[in-house]
């Protein structure tokens, strides 16, 4: 009996092994279509994955857009800085080119003046100017330490603009001739004559009209040879301005208030705005 029971167990174990092998073979065999339980599981997993994937994809896309936006912003800032430096450098280059042209003209001017007279022309830079159109004063970067003294004539390459009115150790104030006013006795006029007719012409530049931008020359003798188109220069009389500095051109001549003398309107040769470099005229002293 015990032998039969042992054989029965052996047969049962053998049948179990055979069944297990059969199931494994069935499972591992190639199937072209999943079973319905597998389809349910696959659909469920796919649905859950879609629910998770879409928000995750949206968040990932948003973060990527933020990163790209930051990169574009940084590139934009770099381009703006580059453009700003380019504009600055271009403006500086243009300014240096203009300054170079002005200095070349100033050098040519001084060379011409050496042949015309024995004055010393000290070039100065304008460092400030007053906004008052009726009392224009500019400040230059030459002063007492540079040998500048009051009443020295100041001019540009085009002509006379004023005189030194106040001197400090390292700078000076220049009163422009646009401040001339015939009714103000504290501002002296400019003794003037006609270039090429120094012995036949004389007058006084006494006032400036800011509305027309013209100078008024008075005390012209009726027989004076001054005519429209003549170039007016300083005469050197009165010890205020040295002779020969260009003032302007005659555009009109007329009879004075009382008919005893004539007057003339003079268009200034120099510009009085946007001044950059000027010359202080020094007359050498001979002992």
C-alpha atoms as a PDB file:
ATOM      1  CA  UNK A   1       0.000   0.000   0.000  1.00  0.00           C
ATOM      2  CA  UNK A   2       2.811   2.393   0.883  1.00  0.00           C
ATOM      3  CA  UNK A   3       4.449   1.567  -2.389  1.00  0.00           C
ATOM      4  CA  UNK A   4       1.303   2.492  -4.273  1.00  0.00           C
ATOM      5  CA  UNK A   5       1.068   5.794  -2.415  1.00  0.00           C
ATOM      6  CA  UNK A   6       4.682   6.599  -3.305  1.00  0.00           C
ATOM      7  CA  UNK A   7       4.031   5.818  -6.961  1.00  0.00           C
ATOM      8  CA  UNK A   8       0.911   7.978  -6.912  1.00  0.00           C
ATOM      9  CA  UNK A   9       2.883  10.955  -5.644  1.00  0.00           C
ATOM     10  CA  UNK A  10       5.502  10.436  -8.275  1.00  0.00           C
ATOM     11  CA  UNK A  11       2.888  10.312 -11.014  1.00  0.00           C
ATOM     12  CA  UNK A  12       1.247  13.496  -9.693  1.00  0.00           C
ATOM     13  CA  UNK A  13       4.573  15.356  -9.647  1.00  0.00           C
ATOM     14  CA  UNK A  14       5.296  14.197 -13.165  1.00  0.00           C
ATOM     15  CA  UNK A  15       1.872  15.360 -14.386  1.00  0.00           C
ATOM     16  CA  UNK A  16       2.418  18.740 -12.752  1.00  0.00           C
ATOM     17  CA  UNK A  17       5.732  19.165 -14.499  1.00  0.00           C
ATOM     18  CA  UNK A  18       4.220  18.249 -17.842  1.00  0.00           C
ATOM     19  CA  UNK A  19       1.362  20.763 -17.321  1.00  0.00           C
ATOM     20  CA  UNK A  20       3.791  23.512 -16.320  1.00  0.00           C
ATOM     21  CA  UNK A  21       5.884  22.898 -19.410  1.00  0.00           C
ATOM     22  CA  UNK A  22       2.770  22.984 -21.578  1.00  0.00           C
ATOM     23  CA  UNK A  23       1.634  26.279 -20.099  1.00  0.00           C
ATOM     24  CA  UNK A  24       5.070  27.793 -20.610  1.00  0.00           C
ATOM     25  CA  UNK A  25       5.117  26.674 -24.181  1.00  0.00           C
ATOM     26  CA  UNK A  26       1.697  28.153 -24.798  1.00  0.00           C
ATOM     27  CA  UNK A  27       2.725  31.463 -23.187  1.00  0.00           C
ATOM     28  CA  UNK A  28       5.974  31.756 -25.092  1.00  0.00           C
ATOM     29  CA  UNK A  29       4.448  30.866 -28.408  1.00  0.00           C
ATOM     30  CA  UNK A  30       4.073  33.723 -30.985  1.00  0.00           C
ATOM     31  CA  UNK A  31       0.670  35.328 -30.923  1.00  0.00           C
ATOM     32  CA  UNK A  32      -0.599  37.845 -33.396  1.00  0.00           C
ATOM     33  CA  UNK A  33      -3.336  39.317 -31.223  1.00  0.00           C
ATOM     34  CA  UNK A  34      -3.398  39.894 -27.441  1.00  0.00           C
ATOM     35  CA  UNK A  35      -6.109  38.400 -25.344  1.00  0.00           C
ATOM     36  CA  UNK A  36      -8.911  40.583 -24.035  1.00  0.00           C
ATOM     37  CA  UNK A  37      -7.423  40.821 -20.510  1.00  0.00           C
ATOM     38  CA  UNK A  38      -4.177  42.029 -22.063  1.00  0.00           C
ATOM     39  CA  UNK A  39      -6.067  44.518 -24.182  1.00  0.00           C
ATOM     40  CA  UNK A  40      -7.830  45.882 -21.116  1.00  0.00           C
ATOM     41  CA  UNK A  41      -4.551  46.267 -19.278  1.00  0.00           C
ATOM     42  CA  UNK A  42      -2.848  47.917 -22.274  1.00  0.00           C
ATOM     43  CA  UNK A  43      -5.718  50.377 -22.812  1.00  0.00           C
ATOM     44  CA  UNK A  44      -5.801  51.241 -19.117  1.00  0.00           C
ATOM     45  CA  UNK A  45      -2.050  51.864 -19.016  1.00  0.00           C
ATOM     46  CA  UNK A  46      -2.200  53.922 -22.217  1.00  0.00           C
ATOM     47  CA  UNK A  47      -5.019  56.089 -20.870  1.00  0.00           C
ATOM     48  CA  UNK A  48      -3.182  56.702 -17.608  1.00  0.00           C
ATOM     49  CA  UNK A  49       0.007  57.496 -19.536  1.00  0.00           C
ATOM     50  CA  UNK A  50      -1.868  60.005 -21.701  1.00  0.00           C
ATOM     51  CA  UNK A  51      -3.246  61.711 -18.612  1.00  0.00           C
ATOM     52  CA  UNK A  52       0.251  62.048 -17.168  1.00  0.00           C
ATOM     53  CA  UNK A  53       2.110  62.744 -20.438  1.00  0.00           C
ATOM     54  CA  UNK A  54       0.103  65.741 -21.635  1.00  0.00           C
ATOM     55  CA  UNK A  55       0.571  67.925 -18.503  1.00  0.00           C
ATOM     56  CA  UNK A  56       4.171  66.785 -18.189  1.00  0.00           C
ATOM     57  CA  UNK A  57       4.787  67.632 -21.851  1.00  0.00           C
ATOM     58  CA  UNK A  58       3.120  71.024 -21.428  1.00  0.00           C
ATOM     59  CA  UNK A  59       5.237  71.821 -18.356  1.00  0.00           C
ATOM     60  CA  UNK A  60       8.387  70.671 -20.133  1.00  0.00           C
ATOM     61  CA  UNK A  61       7.500  72.791 -23.166  1.00  0.00           C
ATOM     62  CA  UNK A  62       6.838  75.818 -20.958  1.00  0.00           C
ATOM     63  CA  UNK A  63      10.180  75.409 -19.196  1.00  0.00           C
ATOM     64  CA  UNK A  64      11.905  75.076 -22.552  1.00  0.00           C
ATOM     65  CA  UNK A  65      10.187  78.248 -23.808  1.00  0.00           C
ATOM     66  CA  UNK A  66      11.293  80.091 -20.661  1.00  0.00           C
ATOM     67  CA  UNK A  67      14.860  78.931 -21.203  1.00  0.00           C
ATOM     68  CA  UNK A  68      14.768  80.022 -24.830  1.00  0.00           C
ATOM     69  CA  UNK A  69      13.205  83.343 -23.866  1.00  0.00           C
ATOM     70  CA  UNK A  70      15.975  83.953 -21.346  1.00  0.00           C
ATOM     71  CA  UNK A  71      18.568  83.118 -23.987  1.00  0.00           C
ATOM     72  CA  UNK A  72      16.931  85.494 -26.492  1.00  0.00           C
ATOM     73  CA  UNK A  73      16.751  88.230 -23.818  1.00  0.00           C
ATOM     74  CA  UNK A  74      20.444  87.834 -22.993  1.00  0.00           C
ATOM     75  CA  UNK A  75      21.357  87.908 -26.685  1.00  0.00           C
ATOM     76  CA  UNK A  76      19.156  90.994 -27.120  1.00  0.00           C
ATOM     77  CA  UNK A  77      20.901  92.749 -24.243  1.00  0.00           C
ATOM     78  CA  UNK A  78      24.295  91.885 -25.685  1.00  0.00           C
ATOM     79  CA  UNK A  79      23.250  93.235 -29.101  1.00  0.00           C
ATOM     80  CA  UNK A  80      21.940  96.432 -27.517  1.00  0.00           C
ATOM     81  CA  UNK A  81      25.211  96.973 -25.672  1.00  0.00           C
ATOM     82  CA  UNK A  82      27.153  96.315 -28.845  1.00  0.00           C
ATOM     83  CA  UNK A  83      24.969  98.747 -30.780  1.00  0.00           C
ATOM     84  CA  UNK A  84      25.317 101.384 -28.039  1.00  0.00           C
ATOM     85  CA  UNK A  85      29.100 101.026 -28.112  1.00  0.00           C
ATOM     86  CA  UNK A  86      29.049 101.276 -31.909  1.00  0.00           C
ATOM     87  CA  UNK A  87      26.940 104.452 -31.818  1.00  0.00           C
ATOM     88  CA  UNK A  88      29.187 105.910 -29.114  1.00  0.00           C
ATOM     89  CA  UNK A  89      32.364 105.066 -31.007  1.00  0.00           C
ATOM     90  CA  UNK A  90      30.910 106.413 -34.259  1.00  0.00           C
ATOM     91  CA  UNK A  91      29.917 109.681 -32.579  1.00  0.00           C
ATOM     92  CA  UNK A  92      33.355 109.939 -30.981  1.00  0.00           C
ATOM     93  CA  UNK A  93      35.033 109.249 -34.335  1.00  0.00           C
ATOM     94  CA  UNK A  94      32.943 111.930 -36.038  1.00  0.00           C
ATOM     95  CA  UNK A  95      33.776 114.371 -33.244  1.00  0.00           C
ATOM     96  CA  UNK A  96      37.490 113.626 -33.544  1.00  0.00           C
ATOM     97  CA  UNK A  97      37.353 114.034 -37.319  1.00  0.00           C
ATOM     98  CA  UNK A  98      35.644 117.416 -36.957  1.00  0.00           C
ATOM     99  CA  UNK A  99      38.149 118.460 -34.297  1.00  0.00           C
ATOM    100  CA  UNK A 100      40.976 117.357 -36.555  1.00  0.00           C
ATOM    101  CA  UNK A 101      39.587 119.477 -39.388  1.00  0.00           C
ATOM    102  CA  UNK A 102      39.223 122.485 -37.085  1.00  0.00           C
ATOM    103  CA  UNK A 103      42.773 122.111 -35.807  1.00  0.00           C
ATOM    104  CA  UNK A 104      44.106 121.778 -39.346  1.00  0.00           C
ATOM    105  CA  UNK A 105      42.284 124.970 -40.263  1.00  0.00           C
ATOM    106  CA  UNK A 106      43.613 126.661 -37.129  1.00  0.00           C
ATOM    107  CA  UNK A 107      47.169 125.621 -38.001  1.00  0.00           C
ATOM    108  CA  UNK A 108      46.791 126.950 -41.530  1.00  0.00           C
ATOM    109  CA  UNK A 109      45.349 130.159 -40.066  1.00  0.00           C
ATOM    110  CA  UNK A 110      48.310 130.720 -37.760  1.00  0.00           C
ATOM    111  CA  UNK A 111      50.725 130.087 -40.624  1.00  0.00           C
ATOM    112  CA  UNK A 112      48.948 132.709 -42.729  1.00  0.00           C
ATOM    113  CA  UNK A 113      48.926 135.165 -39.830  1.00  0.00           C
ATOM    114  CA  UNK A 114      52.656 134.791 -39.300  1.00  0.00           C
ATOM    115  CA  UNK A 115      53.099 136.286 -42.738  1.00  0.00           C
ATOM    116  CA  UNK A 116      50.605 139.109 -42.075  1.00  0.00           C
ATOM    117  CA  UNK A 117      51.740 140.351 -38.638  1.00  0.00           C
ATOM    118  CA  UNK A 118      53.888 139.504 -35.655  1.00  0.00           C
ATOM    119  CA  UNK A 119      51.095 138.632 -33.226  1.00  0.00           C
ATOM    120  CA  UNK A 120      51.179 135.519 -31.066  1.00  0.00           C
ATOM    121  CA  UNK A 121      48.029 133.400 -31.300  1.00  0.00           C
ATOM    122  CA  UNK A 122      47.380 131.223 -28.261  1.00  0.00           C
ATOM    123  CA  UNK A 123      44.802 128.560 -29.063  1.00  0.00           C
ATOM    124  CA  UNK A 124      42.286 127.928 -26.277  1.00  0.00           C
ATOM    125  CA  UNK A 125      39.395 125.533 -25.780  1.00  0.00           C
ATOM    126  CA  UNK A 126      35.953 126.864 -24.874  1.00  0.00           C
ATOM    127  CA  UNK A 127      34.865 125.099 -21.681  1.00  0.00           C
ATOM    128  CA  UNK A 128      31.542 126.872 -21.054  1.00  0.00           C
ATOM    129  CA  UNK A 129      29.305 129.658 -22.306  1.00  0.00           C
ATOM    130  CA  UNK A 130      26.456 131.719 -20.926  1.00  0.00           C
ATOM    131  CA  UNK A 131      22.966 131.249 -22.410  1.00  0.00           C
ATOM    132  CA  UNK A 132      22.126 134.978 -22.235  1.00  0.00           C
ATOM    133  CA  UNK A 133      21.774 136.145 -25.827  1.00  0.00           C
ATOM    134  CA  UNK A 134      22.155 139.798 -24.781  1.00  0.00           C
ATOM    135  CA  UNK A 135      25.303 139.350 -22.705  1.00  0.00           C
ATOM    136  CA  UNK A 136      27.237 136.457 -24.158  1.00  0.00           C
ATOM    137  CA  UNK A 137      30.272 135.360 -22.168  1.00  0.00           C
ATOM    138  CA  UNK A 138      32.369 132.279 -22.813  1.00  0.00           C
ATOM    139  CA  UNK A 139      35.011 130.683 -20.615  1.00  0.00           C
ATOM    140  CA  UNK A 140      38.305 129.382 -21.996  1.00  0.00           C
ATOM    141  CA  UNK A 141      40.930 127.062 -20.512  1.00  0.00           C
ATOM    142  CA  UNK A 142      43.778 129.597 -20.559  1.00  0.00           C
ATOM    143  CA  UNK A 143      44.422 131.928 -17.650  1.00  0.00           C
ATOM    144  CA  UNK A 144      46.945 133.994 -15.773  1.00  0.00           C
ATOM    145  CA  UNK A 145      49.406 131.088 -15.612  1.00  0.00           C
ATOM    146  CA  UNK A 146      49.403 131.098 -19.431  1.00  0.00           C
ATOM    147  CA  UNK A 147      50.154 134.807 -19.694  1.00  0.00           C
ATOM    148  CA  UNK A 148      46.567 135.888 -20.366  1.00  0.00           C
ATOM    149  CA  UNK A 149      45.612 139.396 -19.196  1.00  0.00           C
ATOM    150  CA  UNK A 150      42.378 141.410 -19.417  1.00  0.00           C
ATOM    151  CA  UNK A 151      41.447 143.167 -22.675  1.00  0.00           C
ATOM    152  CA  UNK A 152      43.329 140.761 -24.917  1.00  0.00           C
ATOM    153  CA  UNK A 153      41.513 140.283 -28.218  1.00  0.00           C
ATOM    154  CA  UNK A 154      39.912 136.893 -28.861  1.00  0.00           C
ATOM    155  CA  UNK A 155      39.065 135.575 -32.313  1.00  0.00           C
ATOM    156  CA  UNK A 156      38.381 132.482 -34.379  1.00  0.00           C
ATOM    157  CA  UNK A 157      39.862 131.603 -37.737  1.00  0.00           C
ATOM    158  CA  UNK A 158      37.055 133.683 -39.286  1.00  0.00           C
ATOM    159  CA  UNK A 159      37.332 136.884 -37.301  1.00  0.00           C
ATOM    160  CA  UNK A 160      37.016 138.837 -34.059  1.00  0.00           C
ATOM    161  CA  UNK A 161      34.599 137.531 -31.408  1.00  0.00           C
ATOM    162  CA  UNK A 162      35.467 139.503 -28.268  1.00  0.00           C
ATOM    163  CA  UNK A 163      37.989 140.351 -25.570  1.00  0.00           C
ATOM    164  CA  UNK A 164      39.208 138.865 -22.311  1.00  0.00           C
ATOM    165  CA  UNK A 165      37.154 140.437 -19.513  1.00  0.00           C
ATOM    166  CA  UNK A 166      38.255 138.485 -16.434  1.00  0.00           C
ATOM    167  CA  UNK A 167      41.253 136.301 -15.701  1.00  0.00           C
ATOM    168  CA  UNK A 168      41.710 133.460 -13.216  1.00  0.00           C
ATOM    169  CA  UNK A 169      44.854 131.381 -12.700  1.00  0.00           C
ATOM    170  CA  UNK A 170      43.786 128.616 -15.093  1.00  0.00           C
ATOM    171  CA  UNK A 171      40.842 130.065 -17.040  1.00  0.00           C
ATOM    172  CA  UNK A 172      39.436 133.326 -18.372  1.00  0.00           C
ATOM    173  CA  UNK A 173      36.112 134.918 -19.271  1.00  0.00           C
ATOM    174  CA  UNK A 174      35.665 136.342 -22.751  1.00  0.00           C
ATOM    175  CA  UNK A 175      33.072 139.049 -23.391  1.00  0.00           C
ATOM    176  CA  UNK A 176      31.737 138.589 -26.918  1.00  0.00           C
ATOM    177  CA  UNK A 177      31.158 141.579 -29.163  1.00  0.00           C
ATOM    178  CA  UNK A 178      27.498 140.571 -29.273  1.00  0.00           C
ATOM    179  CA  UNK A 179      27.295 142.364 -25.919  1.00  0.00           C
ATOM    180  CA  UNK A 180      28.116 145.739 -27.514  1.00  0.00           C
ATOM    181  CA  UNK A 181      25.466 148.317 -26.704  1.00  0.00           C
ATOM    182  CA  UNK A 182      25.782 151.940 -27.754  1.00  0.00           C
ATOM    183  CA  UNK A 183      23.752 153.044 -24.741  1.00  0.00           C
ATOM    184  CA  UNK A 184      26.026 151.283 -22.236  1.00  0.00           C
ATOM    185  CA  UNK A 185      29.095 153.414 -21.628  1.00  0.00           C
ATOM    186  CA  UNK A 186      30.828 150.661 -19.647  1.00  0.00           C
ATOM    187  CA  UNK A 187      31.345 148.623 -22.843  1.00  0.00           C
ATOM    188  CA  UNK A 188      33.769 150.328 -25.156  1.00  0.00           C
ATOM    189  CA  UNK A 189      33.300 150.279 -28.913  1.00  0.00           C
ATOM    190  CA  UNK A 190      35.769 148.947 -31.444  1.00  0.00           C
ATOM    191  CA  UNK A 191      37.792 151.327 -33.574  1.00  0.00           C
ATOM    192  CA  UNK A 192      37.549 150.009 -37.124  1.00  0.00           C
ATOM    193  CA  UNK A 193      38.631 150.717 -40.664  1.00  0.00           C
ATOM    194  CA  UNK A 194      38.417 149.207 -44.147  1.00  0.00           C
ATOM    195  CA  UNK A 195      41.055 146.677 -45.141  1.00  0.00           C
ATOM    196  CA  UNK A 196      43.142 148.182 -47.919  1.00  0.00           C
ATOM    197  CA  UNK A 197      41.797 151.701 -47.168  1.00  0.00           C
ATOM    198  CA  UNK A 198      43.282 152.119 -43.692  1.00  0.00           C
ATOM    199  CA  UNK A 199      44.253 155.747 -44.312  1.00  0.00           C
ATOM    200  CA  UNK A 200      40.947 156.774 -45.924  1.00  0.00           C
ATOM    201  CA  UNK A 201      38.321 155.153 -43.679  1.00  0.00           C
ATOM    202  CA  UNK A 202      37.421 155.114 -39.995  1.00  0.00           C
ATOM    203  CA  UNK A 203      34.453 154.332 -37.757  1.00  0.00           C
ATOM    204  CA  UNK A 204      33.351 152.804 -34.439  1.00  0.00           C
ATOM    205  CA  UNK A 205      31.602 149.459 -34.003  1.00  0.00           C
ATOM    206  CA  UNK A 206      29.274 150.390 -31.144  1.00  0.00           C
ATOM    207  CA  UNK A 207      26.360 147.953 -31.011  1.00  0.00           C
ATOM    208  CA  UNK A 208      25.059 144.555 -32.033  1.00  0.00           C
ATOM    209  CA  UNK A 209      21.484 143.697 -32.945  1.00  0.00           C
ATOM    210  CA  UNK A 210      20.638 140.145 -31.783  1.00  0.00           C
ATOM    211  CA  UNK A 211      17.506 140.128 -33.947  1.00  0.00           C
ATOM    212  CA  UNK A 212      19.347 140.725 -37.222  1.00  0.00           C
ATOM    213  CA  UNK A 213      22.760 139.437 -36.160  1.00  0.00           C
ATOM    214  CA  UNK A 214      24.408 142.611 -37.508  1.00  0.00           C
ATOM    215  CA  UNK A 215      26.907 145.077 -36.049  1.00  0.00           C
ATOM    216  CA  UNK A 216      26.384 148.840 -36.321  1.00  0.00           C
ATOM    217  CA  UNK A 217      29.338 151.000 -37.334  1.00  0.00           C
ATOM    218  CA  UNK A 218      28.962 154.717 -36.570  1.00  0.00           C
ATOM    219  CA  UNK A 219      30.930 157.992 -36.799  1.00  0.00           C
ATOM    220  CA  UNK A 220      31.757 157.436 -40.461  1.00  0.00           C
ATOM    221  CA  UNK A 221      32.727 160.658 -42.196  1.00  0.00           C
ATOM    222  CA  UNK A 222      30.557 161.711 -45.135  1.00  0.00           C
ATOM    223  CA  UNK A 223      33.613 161.659 -47.393  1.00  0.00           C
ATOM    224  CA  UNK A 224      34.757 158.266 -46.146  1.00  0.00           C
ATOM    225  CA  UNK A 225      35.473 155.774 -48.954  1.00  0.00           C
ATOM    226  CA  UNK A 226      33.747 152.928 -47.125  1.00  0.00           C
ATOM    227  CA  UNK A 227      31.427 151.028 -49.478  1.00  0.00           C
ATOM    228  CA  UNK A 228      29.176 147.972 -49.513  1.00  0.00           C
ATOM    229  CA  UNK A 229      31.265 144.807 -49.769  1.00  0.00           C
ATOM    230  CA  UNK A 230      34.305 146.243 -47.980  1.00  0.00           C
ATOM    231  CA  UNK A 231      35.945 144.118 -45.286  1.00  0.00           C
ATOM    232  CA  UNK A 232      36.053 145.862 -41.921  1.00  0.00           C
ATOM    233  CA  UNK A 233      39.073 145.275 -39.670  1.00  0.00           C
ATOM    234  CA  UNK A 234      40.258 146.663 -36.360  1.00  0.00           C
ATOM    235  CA  UNK A 235      42.209 149.888 -36.772  1.00  0.00           C
ATOM    236  CA  UNK A 236      44.404 149.511 -33.679  1.00  0.00           C
ATOM    237  CA  UNK A 237      43.389 152.924 -32.331  1.00  0.00           C
ATOM    238  CA  UNK A 238      42.306 153.148 -28.712  1.00  0.00           C
ATOM    239  CA  UNK A 239      44.769 150.454 -27.517  1.00  0.00           C
ATOM    240  CA  UNK A 240      41.968 147.925 -27.019  1.00  0.00           C
ATOM    241  CA  UNK A 241      42.187 145.704 -30.092  1.00  0.00           C
ATOM    242  CA  UNK A 242      45.324 145.299 -32.224  1.00  0.00           C
ATOM    243  CA  UNK A 243      45.029 146.361 -35.833  1.00  0.00           C
ATOM    244  CA  UNK A 244      44.169 144.129 -38.739  1.00  0.00           C
ATOM    245  CA  UNK A 245      41.753 141.666 -37.134  1.00  0.00           C
ATOM    246  CA  UNK A 246      38.788 140.977 -39.413  1.00  0.00           C
ATOM    247  CA  UNK A 247      35.416 142.054 -38.013  1.00  0.00           C
ATOM    248  CA  UNK A 248      33.010 141.613 -40.916  1.00  0.00           C
ATOM    249  CA  UNK A 249      31.690 142.862 -44.235  1.00  0.00           C
ATOM    250  CA  UNK A 250      29.705 146.006 -45.047  1.00  0.00           C
ATOM    251  CA  UNK A 251      26.217 145.161 -46.315  1.00  0.00           C
ATOM    252  CA  UNK A 252      24.606 148.623 -46.093  1.00  0.00           C
ATOM    253  CA  UNK A 253      25.607 152.263 -45.657  1.00  0.00           C
ATOM    254  CA  UNK A 254      23.338 155.104 -44.641  1.00  0.00           C
ATOM    255  CA  UNK A 255      23.089 158.590 -43.160  1.00  0.00           C
ATOM    256  CA  UNK A 256      23.372 158.953 -39.378  1.00  0.00           C
ATOM    257  CA  UNK A 257      20.710 160.345 -37.063  1.00  0.00           C
ATOM    258  CA  UNK A 258      21.725 163.997 -37.415  1.00  0.00           C
ATOM    259  CA  UNK A 259      23.009 163.830 -40.979  1.00  0.00           C
ATOM    260  CA  UNK A 260      26.544 164.816 -39.989  1.00  0.00           C
ATOM    261  CA  UNK A 261      28.019 161.330 -40.167  1.00  0.00           C
ATOM    262  CA  UNK A 262      27.133 158.040 -41.778  1.00  0.00           C
ATOM    263  CA  UNK A 263      26.491 154.572 -40.386  1.00  0.00           C
ATOM    264  CA  UNK A 264      27.013 151.088 -41.803  1.00  0.00           C
ATOM    265  CA  UNK A 265      25.635 147.647 -41.089  1.00  0.00           C
ATOM    266  CA  UNK A 266      28.322 144.994 -40.764  1.00  0.00           C
ATOM    267  CA  UNK A 267      27.768 141.284 -41.093  1.00  0.00           C
ATOM    268  CA  UNK A 268      30.190 139.613 -38.631  1.00  0.00           C
ATOM    269  CA  UNK A 269      32.772 137.310 -40.164  1.00  0.00           C
ATOM    270  CA  UNK A 270      32.807 134.982 -37.159  1.00  0.00           C
ATOM    271  CA  UNK A 271      30.053 132.826 -35.717  1.00  0.00           C
ATOM    272  CA  UNK A 272      29.216 133.336 -32.048  1.00  0.00           C
ATOM    273  CA  UNK A 273      27.537 130.003 -31.365  1.00  0.00           C
ATOM    274  CA  UNK A 274      28.925 126.479 -30.978  1.00  0.00           C
ATOM    275  CA  UNK A 275      32.419 127.813 -30.366  1.00  0.00           C
ATOM    276  CA  UNK A 276      35.025 125.103 -29.743  1.00  0.00           C
ATOM    277  CA  UNK A 277      38.507 126.549 -30.243  1.00  0.00           C
ATOM    278  CA  UNK A 278      39.439 130.237 -30.185  1.00  0.00           C
ATOM    279  CA  UNK A 279      42.630 132.293 -30.339  1.00  0.00           C
ATOM    280  CA  UNK A 280      43.793 134.786 -27.759  1.00  0.00           C
ATOM    281  CA  UNK A 281      45.837 137.448 -29.562  1.00  0.00           C
ATOM    282  CA  UNK A 282      48.994 138.538 -27.823  1.00  0.00           C
ATOM    283  CA  UNK A 283      50.867 141.549 -29.152  1.00  0.00           C
ATOM    284  CA  UNK A 284      54.632 141.231 -28.512  1.00  0.00           C
ATOM    285  CA  UNK A 285      56.132 144.039 -26.499  1.00  0.00           C
ATOM    286  CA  UNK A 286      59.275 145.591 -27.849  1.00  0.00           C
ATOM    287  CA  UNK A 287      61.615 147.283 -25.403  1.00  0.00           C
END
